[in-house]
Amino acid sequence: MELKQLEHLVAVCSAGSFSGAAKRLRISQPTLSKSIARLEKHLGLKLFDRGGGSARPTVYGHAAAEHAAMLLAGVARMGEQLEELARGETGSLRIGVGPATRIKLLPEVVRQVGKTFPELQLQARYDDVQTLMRSLRMGSLDLVFCYFEAPDEQSDFIRAKICDDLRIAVVRPHHPALRQAPLTPEILLRYPLASVGAVPSFRKWLGPMSAKAARNMNAFVSDDYALVKSRPVESDFVALGPRFVFEQELRDGTLVELKLRVEIGYECWMLTTEAKWRLPVVKKVADFARAAMRRKTPRR
């Protein structure tokens, strides 16, 4: 029994004749008649009473046509669902983010994905970069957003650049260090720092340091930027991070930028596997992320 035979069965029942069904199916009447004859032989049942140019389904024909119609509808829906899955419109998408990208990028990506792909199940996980890379490689994540120093070590992934920014230092207004800006590493490390951890390029700029300077560099380390941003508001702490992390505080004047004698870039990348990159929804997520990061913070 073939699906095409079931299509022919339903068409004849619907049209009430072999000639009418053949026209709808755009096949010759003899071809249709042979198809139904083979189906009747396979089932060992008479499906139609033929006569006077019409074809009246027998009780078996009625029952077979009802089952065939349900089966064909299920097959059609299966095809639609597979196409949707191939386009990334259904199924699930698992996103990994780090401390910075979960602040501005992730909320907008979640909003746009929910709006554009309402049937897609979305999972977002926050972790450190190395753990996210392992999860991506093991297949428990579909894509990861991370900072620029990580992609250089992950050449086996597809990498899509999301944005450029700068890592900056921020302090409360009237902080004493503002009078000494731009700061050298020696002057900066006279103050306690708050960060999610120093990236290699920043450590290189700092160079060798005394025991006291090392204590100040690690005075407050947290993977939560909300806590990092709270430290300099009412103290002499200097907070470090990408500019977009401090966007709201810079805008309302709660914090101001403290100039350093170095510019350290921040590049956000999306990493995924070659197989996942073929899904249109993954490319769309990269577009959503770029749009989210496009708005720049006004400099003061």
Protein backbone atom coordinates (compact mmCIF):
# COMPACT_ATOMS: atom_id res chain seq x y z
CA MET A 1 0.00 0.00 0.00
CA GLU A 2 1.37 3.37 -1.02
CA LEU A 3 0.50 6.90 0.09
CA LYS A 4 -0.31 7.81 -3.51
CA GLN A 5 -2.92 5.04 -3.61
CA LEU A 6 -4.50 6.49 -0.47
CA GLU A 7 -4.53 9.93 -2.07
CA HIS A 8 -6.27 8.42 -5.09
CA LEU A 9 -8.82 6.67 -2.85
CA VAL A 10 -9.72 9.90 -1.04
CA ALA A 11 -9.89 11.83 -4.32
CA VAL A 12 -12.35 9.38 -5.90
CA CYS A 13 -14.56 9.41 -2.79
CA SER A 14 -14.55 13.20 -2.80
CA ALA A 15 -15.18 13.62 -6.55
CA GLY A 16 -17.73 10.80 -6.84
CA SER A 17 -16.23 9.59 -10.09
CA PHE A 18 -12.95 8.42 -11.57
CA SER A 19 -13.02 11.07 -14.27
CA GLY A 20 -13.56 13.91 -11.80
CA ALA A 21 -10.85 12.62 -9.46
CA ALA A 22 -8.42 12.19 -12.37
CA LYS A 23 -8.90 15.83 -13.34
CA ARG A 24 -8.29 17.02 -9.75
CA LEU A 25 -5.20 14.85 -9.45
CA ARG A 26 -4.04 15.83 -12.98
CA ILE A 27 -3.46 12.24 -14.01
CA SER A 28 -5.12 10.10 -16.65
CA GLN A 29 -8.25 8.15 -15.78
CA PRO A 30 -6.69 4.77 -16.75
CA THR A 31 -3.76 5.48 -14.39
CA LEU A 32 -6.17 6.25 -11.57
CA SER A 33 -8.28 3.16 -12.28
CA LYS A 34 -5.19 0.90 -12.21
CA SER A 35 -4.07 2.47 -8.90
CA ILE A 36 -7.42 1.79 -7.21
CA ALA A 37 -7.54 -1.71 -8.71
CA ARG A 38 -4.13 -2.51 -7.20
CA LEU A 39 -5.28 -1.16 -3.82
CA GLU A 40 -8.45 -3.32 -3.95
CA LYS A 41 -6.32 -6.36 -4.82
CA HIS A 42 -3.94 -5.60 -1.96
CA LEU A 43 -6.79 -5.27 0.55
CA GLY A 44 -8.86 -8.07 -0.95
CA LEU A 45 -11.91 -5.79 -0.81
CA LYS A 46 -14.15 -3.97 -3.26
CA LEU A 47 -13.88 -0.24 -2.54
CA PHE A 48 -16.20 1.23 -5.21
CA ASP A 49 -19.37 0.34 -7.08
CA ARG A 50 -18.84 1.63 -10.60
CA GLY A 51 -21.65 2.44 -13.01
CA GLY A 52 -23.20 5.22 -15.03
CA GLY A 53 -19.99 7.25 -14.97
CA SER A 54 -19.98 7.43 -11.18
CA ALA A 55 -18.05 5.64 -8.43
CA ARG A 56 -19.93 5.04 -5.18
CA PRO A 57 -17.74 3.92 -2.27
CA THR A 58 -18.74 0.64 -0.64
CA VAL A 59 -18.90 0.36 3.15
CA TYR A 60 -15.25 -0.71 2.95
CA GLY A 61 -14.46 2.19 0.68
CA HIS A 62 -16.01 4.66 3.14
CA ALA A 63 -14.04 3.23 6.07
CA ALA A 64 -10.80 3.07 4.10
CA ALA A 65 -11.21 6.64 2.85
CA GLU A 66 -11.80 7.99 6.38
CA HIS A 67 -8.66 6.29 7.67
CA ALA A 68 -6.70 7.37 4.59
CA ALA A 69 -7.76 11.02 5.03
CA MET A 70 -6.58 11.04 8.67
CA LEU A 71 -3.31 9.35 7.71
CA LEU A 72 -2.64 11.80 4.88
CA ALA A 73 -3.37 14.75 7.16
CA GLY A 74 -0.89 13.38 9.68
CA VAL A 75 1.76 12.92 7.01
CA ALA A 76 1.20 16.49 5.80
CA ARG A 77 1.54 17.84 9.33
CA MET A 78 4.66 15.77 9.88
CA GLY A 79 6.18 17.36 6.79
CA GLU A 80 5.28 20.84 8.00
CA GLN A 81 6.77 20.16 11.42
CA LEU A 82 9.99 18.82 9.93
CA GLU A 83 10.27 21.92 7.74
CA GLU A 84 9.65 24.13 10.77
CA LEU A 85 12.28 22.21 12.71
CA ALA A 86 14.75 22.60 9.85
CA ARG A 87 14.10 26.35 9.85
CA GLY A 88 14.48 26.44 13.63
CA GLU A 89 10.90 27.58 14.21
CA THR A 90 10.08 24.69 16.55
CA GLY A 91 12.10 22.51 18.88
CA SER A 92 14.46 24.12 21.36
CA LEU A 93 17.39 26.51 21.36
CA ARG A 94 19.91 26.49 24.20
CA ILE A 95 21.95 29.66 24.71
CA GLY A 96 24.95 30.17 26.98
CA VAL A 97 26.06 33.60 28.21
CA GLY A 98 28.71 35.07 30.46
CA PRO A 99 28.52 37.83 33.11
CA ALA A 100 28.46 40.74 30.66
CA THR A 101 26.35 39.32 27.83
CA ARG A 102 23.51 38.33 30.12
CA ILE A 103 22.96 41.99 31.10
CA LYS A 104 22.13 43.74 27.84
CA LEU A 105 22.34 41.18 25.06
CA LEU A 106 20.42 38.23 26.49
CA PRO A 107 17.17 40.01 27.50
CA GLU A 108 16.78 41.50 24.03
CA VAL A 109 17.60 38.20 22.30
CA VAL A 110 15.02 36.39 24.47
CA ARG A 111 12.41 39.05 23.65
CA GLN A 112 13.02 38.93 19.90
CA VAL A 113 13.18 35.13 19.72
CA GLY A 114 9.91 34.87 21.64
CA LYS A 115 8.29 37.37 19.28
CA THR A 116 9.62 35.87 16.04
CA PHE A 117 9.56 32.15 16.92
CA PRO A 118 6.70 31.72 19.41
CA GLU A 119 6.76 27.89 19.11
CA LEU A 120 10.47 27.64 19.88
CA GLN A 121 11.44 26.48 23.37
CA LEU A 122 14.25 28.69 24.63
CA GLN A 123 16.76 27.83 27.36
CA ALA A 124 19.38 30.28 28.64
CA ARG A 125 22.27 29.28 30.87
CA TYR A 126 24.85 31.45 32.59
CA ASP A 127 28.35 30.19 33.38
CA ASP A 128 32.03 30.95 33.00
CA VAL A 129 33.48 30.92 29.49
CA GLN A 130 35.41 27.67 29.74
CA THR A 131 32.41 25.77 31.09
CA LEU A 132 30.25 27.21 28.31
CA MET A 133 32.79 26.10 25.70
CA ARG A 134 32.80 22.55 27.07
CA SER A 135 29.00 22.48 27.03
CA LEU A 136 28.93 23.73 23.44
CA ARG A 137 31.45 21.07 22.40
CA MET A 138 29.50 18.33 24.19
CA GLY A 139 26.23 19.39 22.57
CA SER A 140 24.36 20.53 25.69
CA LEU A 141 24.35 24.12 24.34
CA ASP A 142 23.56 25.27 20.81
CA LEU A 143 25.34 28.63 20.88
CA VAL A 144 27.39 30.75 23.25
CA PHE A 145 28.05 34.49 23.55
CA CYS A 146 31.51 35.32 24.90
CA TYR A 147 34.24 37.97 24.95
CA PHE A 148 36.99 38.32 22.38
CA GLU A 149 39.84 36.50 24.13
CA ALA A 150 37.90 33.24 24.16
CA PRO A 151 37.15 32.76 20.41
CA ASP A 152 40.84 32.80 19.51
CA GLU A 153 41.18 29.51 21.39
CA GLN A 154 38.06 27.92 19.84
CA SER A 155 38.92 27.59 16.16
CA ASP A 156 36.75 24.48 15.76
CA PHE A 157 33.55 26.54 16.13
CA ILE A 158 31.72 28.83 13.74
CA ARG A 159 32.29 32.36 15.06
CA ALA A 160 30.08 35.37 14.36
CA LYS A 161 31.17 38.78 15.63
CA ILE A 162 28.44 40.65 17.52
CA CYS A 163 29.97 43.95 18.62
CA ASP A 164 33.04 45.99 19.52
CA ASP A 165 33.30 47.90 22.79
CA LEU A 166 35.90 49.00 25.30
CA ARG A 167 36.66 47.77 28.79
CA ILE A 168 36.55 50.79 31.06
CA ALA A 169 36.98 51.78 34.69
CA VAL A 170 34.19 53.62 36.50
CA VAL A 171 34.00 55.41 39.86
CA ARG A 172 31.60 57.57 41.80
CA PRO A 173 31.54 61.30 40.94
CA HIS A 174 34.25 63.29 42.78
CA HIS A 175 36.37 60.18 43.34
CA PRO A 176 39.92 61.32 44.21
CA ALA A 177 41.43 59.33 41.34
CA LEU A 178 39.61 61.50 38.79
CA ARG A 179 42.09 64.33 39.47
CA GLN A 180 44.95 62.03 38.46
CA ALA A 181 43.46 60.63 35.27
CA PRO A 182 44.53 59.14 32.97
CA LEU A 183 45.85 56.60 35.48
CA THR A 184 48.93 54.45 35.26
CA PRO A 185 48.79 50.88 36.64
CA GLU A 186 50.66 52.03 39.74
CA ILE A 187 48.11 54.76 40.59
CA LEU A 188 45.11 52.58 39.69
CA LEU A 189 46.22 49.82 42.05
CA ARG A 190 46.30 52.22 44.99
CA TYR A 191 42.51 51.76 44.99
CA PRO A 192 40.48 48.59 45.50
CA LEU A 193 39.08 47.14 42.30
CA ALA A 194 35.75 45.42 41.68
CA SER A 195 35.44 43.15 38.64
CA VAL A 196 34.43 39.73 37.40
CA GLY A 197 38.12 38.93 37.06
CA ALA A 198 40.96 40.50 35.11
CA VAL A 199 41.32 39.39 31.48
CA PRO A 200 44.86 38.51 30.27
CA SER A 201 45.34 41.73 28.29
CA PHE A 202 44.52 43.82 31.37
CA ARG A 203 46.85 41.76 33.58
CA LYS A 204 49.60 42.27 31.03
CA TRP A 205 49.12 46.06 31.19
CA LEU A 206 49.23 46.01 34.97
CA GLY A 207 52.58 44.24 34.94
CA PRO A 208 54.44 43.14 38.09
CA MET A 209 52.75 44.30 41.29
CA SER A 210 53.40 44.49 44.99
CA ALA A 211 51.51 42.39 47.53
CA LYS A 212 49.31 45.37 48.39
CA ALA A 213 48.58 46.10 44.72
CA ALA A 214 47.66 42.44 44.19
CA ARG A 215 45.25 42.61 47.13
CA ASN A 216 43.66 45.74 45.66
CA MET A 217 43.32 44.10 42.24
CA ASN A 218 41.34 41.27 43.83
CA ALA A 219 39.56 43.38 46.45
CA PHE A 220 36.15 42.34 45.11
CA VAL A 221 35.65 39.66 42.47
CA SER A 222 32.18 38.44 41.56
CA ASP A 223 30.46 36.87 38.56
CA ASP A 224 27.51 39.20 39.17
CA TYR A 225 27.89 42.64 37.58
CA ALA A 226 25.06 44.00 39.70
CA LEU A 227 27.30 43.49 42.73
CA VAL A 228 30.37 44.78 40.89
CA LYS A 229 28.52 47.98 39.99
CA SER A 230 27.34 48.50 43.56
CA ARG A 231 30.84 48.66 45.04
CA PRO A 232 31.99 52.05 43.64
CA VAL A 233 28.71 53.89 44.24
CA GLU A 234 29.47 54.88 47.84
CA SER A 235 33.12 53.95 48.25
CA ASP A 236 36.54 54.43 46.67
CA PHE A 237 36.26 51.18 44.71
CA VAL A 238 37.02 51.28 40.99
CA ALA A 239 34.78 48.98 38.95
CA LEU A 240 35.97 47.41 35.70
CA GLY A 241 34.03 45.96 32.77
CA PRO A 242 32.74 46.55 29.24
CA ARG A 243 31.25 49.99 28.72
CA PHE A 244 27.76 48.65 27.94
CA VAL A 245 27.59 47.04 31.38
CA PHE A 246 27.63 50.49 33.00
CA GLU A 247 25.30 52.06 30.42
CA GLN A 248 22.53 53.11 32.78
CA GLU A 249 24.87 54.34 35.55
CA LEU A 250 26.88 56.43 33.08
CA ARG A 251 23.69 57.89 31.65
CA ASP A 252 22.20 58.94 34.99
CA GLY A 253 25.54 60.07 36.44
CA THR A 254 25.64 57.55 39.29
CA LEU A 255 29.07 56.51 37.99
CA VAL A 256 31.56 58.23 35.73
CA GLU A 257 34.35 56.89 33.58
CA LEU A 258 37.84 56.94 35.02
CA LYS A 259 40.35 57.29 32.20
CA LEU A 260 43.30 54.89 32.11
CA ARG A 261 46.52 55.13 30.12
CA VAL A 262 45.44 52.17 28.04
CA GLU A 263 42.54 51.17 25.84
CA ILE A 264 41.55 47.52 26.09
CA GLY A 265 39.00 46.33 23.60
CA TYR A 266 36.00 44.14 24.21
CA GLU A 267 34.71 42.06 21.32
CA CYS A 268 31.56 40.02 21.77
CA TRP A 269 31.29 36.89 19.63
CA MET A 270 28.67 34.22 19.10
CA LEU A 271 30.09 30.71 18.84
CA THR A 272 28.17 27.71 17.52
CA THR A 273 28.75 24.45 15.69
CA GLU A 274 28.74 24.07 11.93
CA ALA A 275 25.55 21.98 12.10
CA LYS A 276 23.69 24.56 14.19
CA TRP A 277 24.89 27.42 11.99
CA ARG A 278 22.89 25.91 9.14
CA LEU A 279 19.66 26.65 11.03
CA PRO A 280 18.16 30.00 9.98
CA VAL A 281 17.07 30.68 13.57
CA VAL A 282 20.70 30.64 14.76
CA LYS A 283 21.70 33.23 12.17
CA LYS A 284 18.63 35.23 13.20
CA VAL A 285 19.74 35.14 16.84
CA ALA A 286 23.08 36.62 15.78
CA ASP A 287 21.16 39.45 14.07
CA PHE A 288 19.07 40.01 17.21
CA ALA A 289 22.23 40.17 19.31
CA ARG A 290 23.90 42.69 16.98
CA ALA A 291 20.82 44.89 17.09
CA ALA A 292 20.75 44.71 20.89
CA MET A 293 24.38 45.83 21.13
CA ARG A 294 24.22 48.50 18.43
CA ARG A 295 23.08 51.29 20.73
CA LYS A 296 26.12 53.02 22.20
CA THR A 297 26.43 54.58 25.62
CA PRO A 298 26.95 58.36 25.50
CA ARG A 299 30.42 59.27 26.72
CA ARG A 300 30.86 61.83 29.44
